[in-house]
Amino acid sequence: VDVSASVGSSNYPKEVNAIREMAKVYLENGIDARFTVISFSDTANLITDSLTPEELLKALPENDGSKLLPGVGTSYAPPLEIFKDMVSQSFNDPDTRFMNKDLYFLTDGAPGDASTYLPMWQEYLDANREWLDVYALGIDVGDGAAVLQHLLHICENDPSHVTFAEDFDAIADLLRDRVQSEMGNLLGGPSSADGAKVVY
């Protein structure tokens, strides 16, 4: 989740509430899930590590963005590198080894490191697309043309996995709708047990 200066401190609680809405969907449908939250700007921070939906709701209180550790610029590499490390750990954990992995990438801007990092990310996707689904949400990005190209790279060049929000007030409903729209896959995924997911 993007916590660069352009997001603004008044919007950090809205990002937290959006994450909470995602967790509630899993909880309401009885789907086993583990949530890892990574905030990023020009650096990245691991905010929560492999929490159940119930644990996440306790760890990130409603309307409280204080735990997101805001920064200044926008760089996609730091959070995606943490993500890759956490995925490696999940494959070594018997509780999450056979769960499919979903990455939700929230940002309000294009990265400063796109030309150097996104080609390496594409290589990672090519090698791991069998068990990984990536979704992106561009927030308050105007016409979205420039950011769209970067988010398409993040999402395996699949336009159906990219959503745009007019402002931060809309992101909770959009993320909840996205998770609910995938619910059929969650409950019937061929390589996961009962739709179990690790969500980043």
C-alpha atoms as a PDB file:
ATOM      1  CA  VAL A   1       0.000   0.000   0.000  1.00  0.00           C
ATOM      2  CA  ASP A   2       1.368   3.385  -1.109  1.00  0.00           C
ATOM      3  CA  VAL A   3       2.232   5.805   1.712  1.00  0.00           C
ATOM      4  CA  SER A   4       4.198   8.344  -0.312  1.00  0.00           C
ATOM      5  CA  ALA A   5       3.818  12.045   0.459  1.00  0.00           C
ATOM      6  CA  SER A   6       1.357  12.530  -2.395  1.00  0.00           C
ATOM      7  CA  VAL A   7      -1.121  10.181  -0.697  1.00  0.00           C
ATOM      8  CA  GLY A   8      -1.426  12.549   2.271  1.00  0.00           C
ATOM      9  CA  SER A   9      -1.824  11.707   5.941  1.00  0.00           C
ATOM     10  CA  SER A  10      -5.610  12.154   5.826  1.00  0.00           C
ATOM     11  CA  ASN A  11      -5.832   9.215   3.395  1.00  0.00           C
ATOM     12  CA  TYR A  12      -3.777   6.664   5.360  1.00  0.00           C
ATOM     13  CA  PRO A  13      -6.792   5.714   7.528  1.00  0.00           C
ATOM     14  CA  LYS A  14      -8.823   5.199   4.340  1.00  0.00           C
ATOM     15  CA  GLU A  15      -6.186   2.762   3.081  1.00  0.00           C
ATOM     16  CA  VAL A  16      -6.343   0.885   6.375  1.00  0.00           C
ATOM     17  CA  ASN A  17     -10.124   0.709   6.168  1.00  0.00           C
ATOM     18  CA  ALA A  18      -9.870  -0.682   2.635  1.00  0.00           C
ATOM     19  CA  ILE A  19      -7.534  -3.434   3.821  1.00  0.00           C
ATOM     20  CA  ARG A  20      -9.947  -4.195   6.647  1.00  0.00           C
ATOM     21  CA  GLU A  21     -12.816  -4.534   4.152  1.00  0.00           C
ATOM     22  CA  MET A  22     -10.814  -7.132   2.235  1.00  0.00           C
ATOM     23  CA  ALA A  23     -10.205  -9.108   5.416  1.00  0.00           C
ATOM     24  CA  LYS A  24     -13.905  -8.987   6.268  1.00  0.00           C
ATOM     25  CA  VAL A  25     -14.824 -10.642   2.956  1.00  0.00           C
ATOM     26  CA  TYR A  26     -12.620 -13.631   3.758  1.00  0.00           C
ATOM     27  CA  LEU A  27     -13.956 -13.744   7.316  1.00  0.00           C
ATOM     28  CA  GLU A  28     -17.603 -13.556   6.243  1.00  0.00           C
ATOM     29  CA  ASN A  29     -17.136 -16.394   3.757  1.00  0.00           C
ATOM     30  CA  GLY A  30     -15.164 -18.640   6.092  1.00  0.00           C
ATOM     31  CA  ILE A  31     -12.108 -18.728   3.837  1.00  0.00           C
ATOM     32  CA  ASP A  32      -8.759 -19.498   5.420  1.00  0.00           C
ATOM     33  CA  ALA A  33      -6.389 -16.632   4.635  1.00  0.00           C
ATOM     34  CA  ARG A  34      -3.165 -15.047   5.862  1.00  0.00           C
ATOM     35  CA  PHE A  35      -2.588 -11.325   5.382  1.00  0.00           C
ATOM     36  CA  THR A  36       0.760  -9.607   4.968  1.00  0.00           C
ATOM     37  CA  VAL A  37       0.669  -5.811   4.644  1.00  0.00           C
ATOM     38  CA  ILE A  38       3.608  -3.899   3.164  1.00  0.00           C
ATOM     39  CA  SER A  39       3.640  -0.111   3.015  1.00  0.00           C
ATOM     40  CA  PHE A  40       5.918   1.693   0.580  1.00  0.00           C
ATOM     41  CA  SER A  41       7.176   5.048  -0.602  1.00  0.00           C
ATOM     42  CA  ASP A  42      10.821   5.329  -1.641  1.00  0.00           C
ATOM     43  CA  THR A  43      11.424   2.562   0.923  1.00  0.00           C
ATOM     44  CA  ALA A  44       9.145  -0.206   2.222  1.00  0.00           C
ATOM     45  CA  ASN A  45       8.066  -1.569   5.594  1.00  0.00           C
ATOM     46  CA  LEU A  46       6.558  -4.881   6.645  1.00  0.00           C
ATOM     47  CA  ILE A  47       3.475  -3.845   8.648  1.00  0.00           C
ATOM     48  CA  THR A  48       1.830  -7.222   9.339  1.00  0.00           C
ATOM     49  CA  ASP A  49       3.115 -10.723   8.685  1.00  0.00           C
ATOM     50  CA  SER A  50       0.835 -13.654   7.851  1.00  0.00           C
ATOM     51  CA  LEU A  51      -2.131 -12.727  10.048  1.00  0.00           C
ATOM     52  CA  THR A  52      -5.561 -14.341   9.928  1.00  0.00           C
ATOM     53  CA  PRO A  53      -8.435 -11.979   9.047  1.00  0.00           C
ATOM     54  CA  GLU A  54      -9.363 -11.769  12.736  1.00  0.00           C
ATOM     55  CA  GLU A  55      -5.794 -10.943  13.712  1.00  0.00           C
ATOM     56  CA  LEU A  56      -5.502  -8.328  10.974  1.00  0.00           C
ATOM     57  CA  LEU A  57      -8.646  -6.523  12.117  1.00  0.00           C
ATOM     58  CA  LYS A  58      -7.149  -6.273  15.606  1.00  0.00           C
ATOM     59  CA  ALA A  59      -3.710  -5.227  14.349  1.00  0.00           C
ATOM     60  CA  LEU A  60      -5.021  -2.433  12.098  1.00  0.00           C
ATOM     61  CA  PRO A  61      -7.782  -0.580  13.965  1.00  0.00           C
ATOM     62  CA  GLU A  62     -10.468   1.176  11.961  1.00  0.00           C
ATOM     63  CA  ASN A  63      -9.750   4.794  10.945  1.00  0.00           C
ATOM     64  CA  ASP A  64      -6.155   4.572  12.208  1.00  0.00           C
ATOM     65  CA  GLY A  65      -3.340   4.997   9.668  1.00  0.00           C
ATOM     66  CA  SER A  66      -0.586   5.483  12.232  1.00  0.00           C
ATOM     67  CA  LYS A  67       0.992   2.055  11.673  1.00  0.00           C
ATOM     68  CA  LEU A  68       1.615   2.491   7.943  1.00  0.00           C
ATOM     69  CA  LEU A  69       4.961   4.353   8.374  1.00  0.00           C
ATOM     70  CA  PRO A  70       4.657   7.057   5.675  1.00  0.00           C
ATOM     71  CA  GLY A  71       7.506   8.219   3.457  1.00  0.00           C
ATOM     72  CA  VAL A  72       8.170  10.603   0.571  1.00  0.00           C
ATOM     73  CA  GLY A  73       8.755   9.272  -2.978  1.00  0.00           C
ATOM     74  CA  THR A  74       7.343   6.347  -4.969  1.00  0.00           C
ATOM     75  CA  SER A  75       9.414   3.274  -5.772  1.00  0.00           C
ATOM     76  CA  TYR A  76       7.904  -0.087  -6.697  1.00  0.00           C
ATOM     77  CA  ALA A  77      11.048  -2.158  -6.116  1.00  0.00           C
ATOM     78  CA  PRO A  78      11.225  -2.093  -2.273  1.00  0.00           C
ATOM     79  CA  PRO A  79       7.733  -3.498  -1.598  1.00  0.00           C
ATOM     80  CA  LEU A  80       7.948  -6.072  -4.384  1.00  0.00           C
ATOM     81  CA  GLU A  81      11.292  -7.317  -3.075  1.00  0.00           C
ATOM     82  CA  ILE A  82       9.804  -7.719   0.414  1.00  0.00           C
ATOM     83  CA  PHE A  83       6.856  -9.507  -1.179  1.00  0.00           C
ATOM     84  CA  LYS A  84       9.177 -11.990  -2.904  1.00  0.00           C
ATOM     85  CA  ASP A  85      10.995 -12.666   0.376  1.00  0.00           C
ATOM     86  CA  MET A  86       7.722 -13.236   2.217  1.00  0.00           C
ATOM     87  CA  VAL A  87       6.479 -15.604  -0.493  1.00  0.00           C
ATOM     88  CA  SER A  88       9.658 -17.649  -0.159  1.00  0.00           C
ATOM     89  CA  GLN A  89       9.019 -17.894   3.571  1.00  0.00           C
ATOM     90  CA  SER A  90       5.411 -18.953   3.016  1.00  0.00           C
ATOM     91  CA  PHE A  91       6.542 -21.894   0.899  1.00  0.00           C
ATOM     92  CA  ASN A  92       8.641 -23.060   3.847  1.00  0.00           C
ATOM     93  CA  ASP A  93       5.701 -22.814   6.249  1.00  0.00           C
ATOM     94  CA  PRO A  94       3.509 -25.951   6.361  1.00  0.00           C
ATOM     95  CA  ASP A  95       0.452 -23.803   7.165  1.00  0.00           C
ATOM     96  CA  THR A  96       0.741 -21.711   3.985  1.00  0.00           C
ATOM     97  CA  ARG A  97       2.843 -23.813   1.604  1.00  0.00           C
ATOM     98  CA  PHE A  98      -0.079 -25.005  -0.509  1.00  0.00           C
ATOM     99  CA  MET A  99      -2.100 -21.791  -0.401  1.00  0.00           C
ATOM    100  CA  ASN A 100      -2.314 -19.752  -3.583  1.00  0.00           C
ATOM    101  CA  LYS A 101      -0.871 -16.249  -3.332  1.00  0.00           C
ATOM    102  CA  ASP A 102      -2.669 -12.985  -4.190  1.00  0.00           C
ATOM    103  CA  LEU A 103      -0.940  -9.607  -4.401  1.00  0.00           C
ATOM    104  CA  TYR A 104      -2.984  -6.394  -4.238  1.00  0.00           C
ATOM    105  CA  PHE A 105      -0.927  -3.345  -5.215  1.00  0.00           C
ATOM    106  CA  LEU A 106      -2.344   0.080  -4.237  1.00  0.00           C
ATOM    107  CA  THR A 107      -0.689   3.273  -5.493  1.00  0.00           C
ATOM    108  CA  ASP A 108      -1.471   6.855  -6.442  1.00  0.00           C
ATOM    109  CA  GLY A 109       1.466   7.362  -8.779  1.00  0.00           C
ATOM    110  CA  ALA A 110       4.033   6.067 -11.242  1.00  0.00           C
ATOM    111  CA  PRO A 111       7.354   4.818  -9.858  1.00  0.00           C
ATOM    112  CA  GLY A 112      10.706   6.476 -10.241  1.00  0.00           C
ATOM    113  CA  ASP A 113      12.389   3.113 -10.807  1.00  0.00           C
ATOM    114  CA  ALA A 114      10.144   1.653 -13.522  1.00  0.00           C
ATOM    115  CA  SER A 115      12.723   1.284 -16.282  1.00  0.00           C
ATOM    116  CA  THR A 116      15.145  -0.658 -14.097  1.00  0.00           C
ATOM    117  CA  TYR A 117      12.842  -2.729 -11.928  1.00  0.00           C
ATOM    118  CA  LEU A 118       9.749  -3.660 -13.929  1.00  0.00           C
ATOM    119  CA  PRO A 119      11.650  -5.889 -16.415  1.00  0.00           C
ATOM    120  CA  MET A 120      12.966  -7.921 -13.467  1.00  0.00           C
ATOM    121  CA  TRP A 121       9.445  -8.124 -12.029  1.00  0.00           C
ATOM    122  CA  GLN A 122       8.209  -9.467 -15.361  1.00  0.00           C
ATOM    123  CA  GLU A 123      10.759 -12.266 -15.174  1.00  0.00           C
ATOM    124  CA  TYR A 124       9.481 -13.135 -11.692  1.00  0.00           C
ATOM    125  CA  LEU A 125       5.885 -13.238 -12.940  1.00  0.00           C
ATOM    126  CA  ASP A 126       6.810 -15.447 -15.861  1.00  0.00           C
ATOM    127  CA  ALA A 127       8.415 -17.942 -13.498  1.00  0.00           C
ATOM    128  CA  ASN A 128       5.630 -17.931 -10.886  1.00  0.00           C
ATOM    129  CA  ARG A 129       2.310 -17.201 -12.592  1.00  0.00           C
ATOM    130  CA  GLU A 130       1.009 -20.723 -11.874  1.00  0.00           C
ATOM    131  CA  TRP A 131       0.317 -19.906  -8.214  1.00  0.00           C
ATOM    132  CA  LEU A 132       0.250 -16.080  -8.168  1.00  0.00           C
ATOM    133  CA  ASP A 133      -2.517 -13.616  -9.019  1.00  0.00           C
ATOM    134  CA  VAL A 134      -1.735  -9.881  -9.040  1.00  0.00           C
ATOM    135  CA  TYR A 135      -4.268  -7.040  -8.863  1.00  0.00           C
ATOM    136  CA  ALA A 136      -3.575  -3.302  -8.927  1.00  0.00           C
ATOM    137  CA  LEU A 137      -5.566  -0.282  -7.848  1.00  0.00           C
ATOM    138  CA  GLY A 138      -4.580   3.141  -9.166  1.00  0.00           C
ATOM    139  CA  ILE A 139      -5.954   5.907  -6.948  1.00  0.00           C
ATOM    140  CA  ASP A 140      -6.668   9.514  -7.985  1.00  0.00           C
ATOM    141  CA  VAL A 141      -4.306   9.404 -10.991  1.00  0.00           C
ATOM    142  CA  GLY A 142      -6.164  11.717 -13.384  1.00  0.00           C
ATOM    143  CA  ASP A 143      -6.591  10.163 -16.820  1.00  0.00           C
ATOM    144  CA  GLY A 144      -4.449   7.255 -15.624  1.00  0.00           C
ATOM    145  CA  ALA A 145      -2.612   6.764 -18.915  1.00  0.00           C
ATOM    146  CA  ALA A 146       0.939   6.857 -17.554  1.00  0.00           C
ATOM    147  CA  VAL A 147       0.190   4.936 -14.377  1.00  0.00           C
ATOM    148  CA  LEU A 148      -1.844   2.358 -16.312  1.00  0.00           C
ATOM    149  CA  GLN A 149       1.214   1.171 -18.220  1.00  0.00           C
ATOM    150  CA  HIS A 150       3.139   0.615 -14.993  1.00  0.00           C
ATOM    151  CA  LEU A 151       0.248  -1.170 -13.314  1.00  0.00           C
ATOM    152  CA  LEU A 152      -0.228  -3.405 -16.340  1.00  0.00           C
ATOM    153  CA  HIS A 153       3.379  -4.517 -15.901  1.00  0.00           C
ATOM    154  CA  ILE A 154       2.653  -5.253 -12.253  1.00  0.00           C
ATOM    155  CA  CYS A 155      -0.433  -7.299 -13.220  1.00  0.00           C
ATOM    156  CA  GLU A 156       0.976  -9.573 -15.909  1.00  0.00           C
ATOM    157  CA  ASN A 157      -0.331  -7.191 -18.621  1.00  0.00           C
ATOM    158  CA  ASP A 158      -3.909  -8.170 -17.791  1.00  0.00           C
ATOM    159  CA  PRO A 159      -6.201  -5.094 -18.000  1.00  0.00           C
ATOM    160  CA  SER A 160      -8.943  -6.929 -16.123  1.00  0.00           C
ATOM    161  CA  HIS A 161      -6.698  -6.961 -13.041  1.00  0.00           C
ATOM    162  CA  VAL A 162      -6.273  -3.159 -12.990  1.00  0.00           C
ATOM    163  CA  THR A 163      -8.876  -0.904 -11.351  1.00  0.00           C
ATOM    164  CA  PHE A 164      -8.914   2.884 -10.949  1.00  0.00           C
ATOM    165  CA  ALA A 165     -10.453   4.801  -8.068  1.00  0.00           C
ATOM    166  CA  GLU A 166     -11.440   8.436  -8.445  1.00  0.00           C
ATOM    167  CA  ASP A 167     -10.316   9.164  -4.900  1.00  0.00           C
ATOM    168  CA  PHE A 168      -9.378   7.473  -1.640  1.00  0.00           C
ATOM    169  CA  ASP A 169     -12.988   7.475  -0.433  1.00  0.00           C
ATOM    170  CA  ALA A 170     -13.778   4.876  -3.103  1.00  0.00           C
ATOM    171  CA  ILE A 171     -11.050   2.316  -2.459  1.00  0.00           C
ATOM    172  CA  ALA A 172     -12.711   0.312   0.338  1.00  0.00           C
ATOM    173  CA  ASP A 173     -15.747  -0.532  -1.796  1.00  0.00           C
ATOM    174  CA  LEU A 174     -13.606  -1.218  -4.875  1.00  0.00           C
ATOM    175  CA  LEU A 175     -11.332  -3.642  -3.033  1.00  0.00           C
ATOM    176  CA  ARG A 176     -14.246  -5.364  -1.387  1.00  0.00           C
ATOM    177  CA  ASP A 177     -15.937  -5.749  -4.781  1.00  0.00           C
ATOM    178  CA  ARG A 178     -12.725  -7.097  -6.310  1.00  0.00           C
ATOM    179  CA  VAL A 179     -12.351  -9.774  -3.647  1.00  0.00           C
ATOM    180  CA  GLN A 180     -16.021 -10.718  -3.873  1.00  0.00           C
ATOM    181  CA  SER A 181     -15.786 -10.993  -7.665  1.00  0.00           C
ATOM    182  CA  GLU A 182     -12.960 -13.487  -7.236  1.00  0.00           C
ATOM    183  CA  MET A 183     -14.842 -15.483  -4.615  1.00  0.00           C
ATOM    184  CA  GLY A 184     -15.830 -18.243  -7.037  1.00  0.00           C
ATOM    185  CA  ASN A 185     -12.162 -18.850  -7.791  1.00  0.00           C
ATOM    186  CA  LEU A 186     -11.298 -18.686  -4.112  1.00  0.00           C
ATOM    187  CA  LEU A 187     -13.730 -21.459  -3.314  1.00  0.00           C
ATOM    188  CA  GLY A 188     -12.741 -23.628  -6.249  1.00  0.00           C
ATOM    189  CA  GLY A 189      -9.048 -23.084  -6.868  1.00  0.00           C
ATOM    190  CA  PRO A 190      -7.507 -26.310  -8.159  1.00  0.00           C
ATOM    191  CA  SER A 191      -4.211 -25.986  -6.290  1.00  0.00           C
ATOM    192  CA  SER A 192      -5.430 -24.653  -2.957  1.00  0.00           C
ATOM    193  CA  ALA A 193      -7.348 -26.202  -0.104  1.00  0.00           C
ATOM    194  CA  ASP A 194     -10.920 -24.827   0.150  1.00  0.00           C
ATOM    195  CA  GLY A 195      -9.849 -21.599  -1.529  1.00  0.00           C
ATOM    196  CA  ALA A 196      -7.222 -20.821   1.107  1.00  0.00           C
ATOM    197  CA  LYS A 197      -5.123 -17.775   0.255  1.00  0.00           C
ATOM    198  CA  VAL A 198      -2.072 -15.840   1.303  1.00  0.00           C
ATOM    199  CA  VAL A 199      -2.894 -12.190   0.635  1.00  0.00           C
ATOM    200  CA  TYR A 200      -0.330  -9.408   0.242  1.00  0.00           C
END
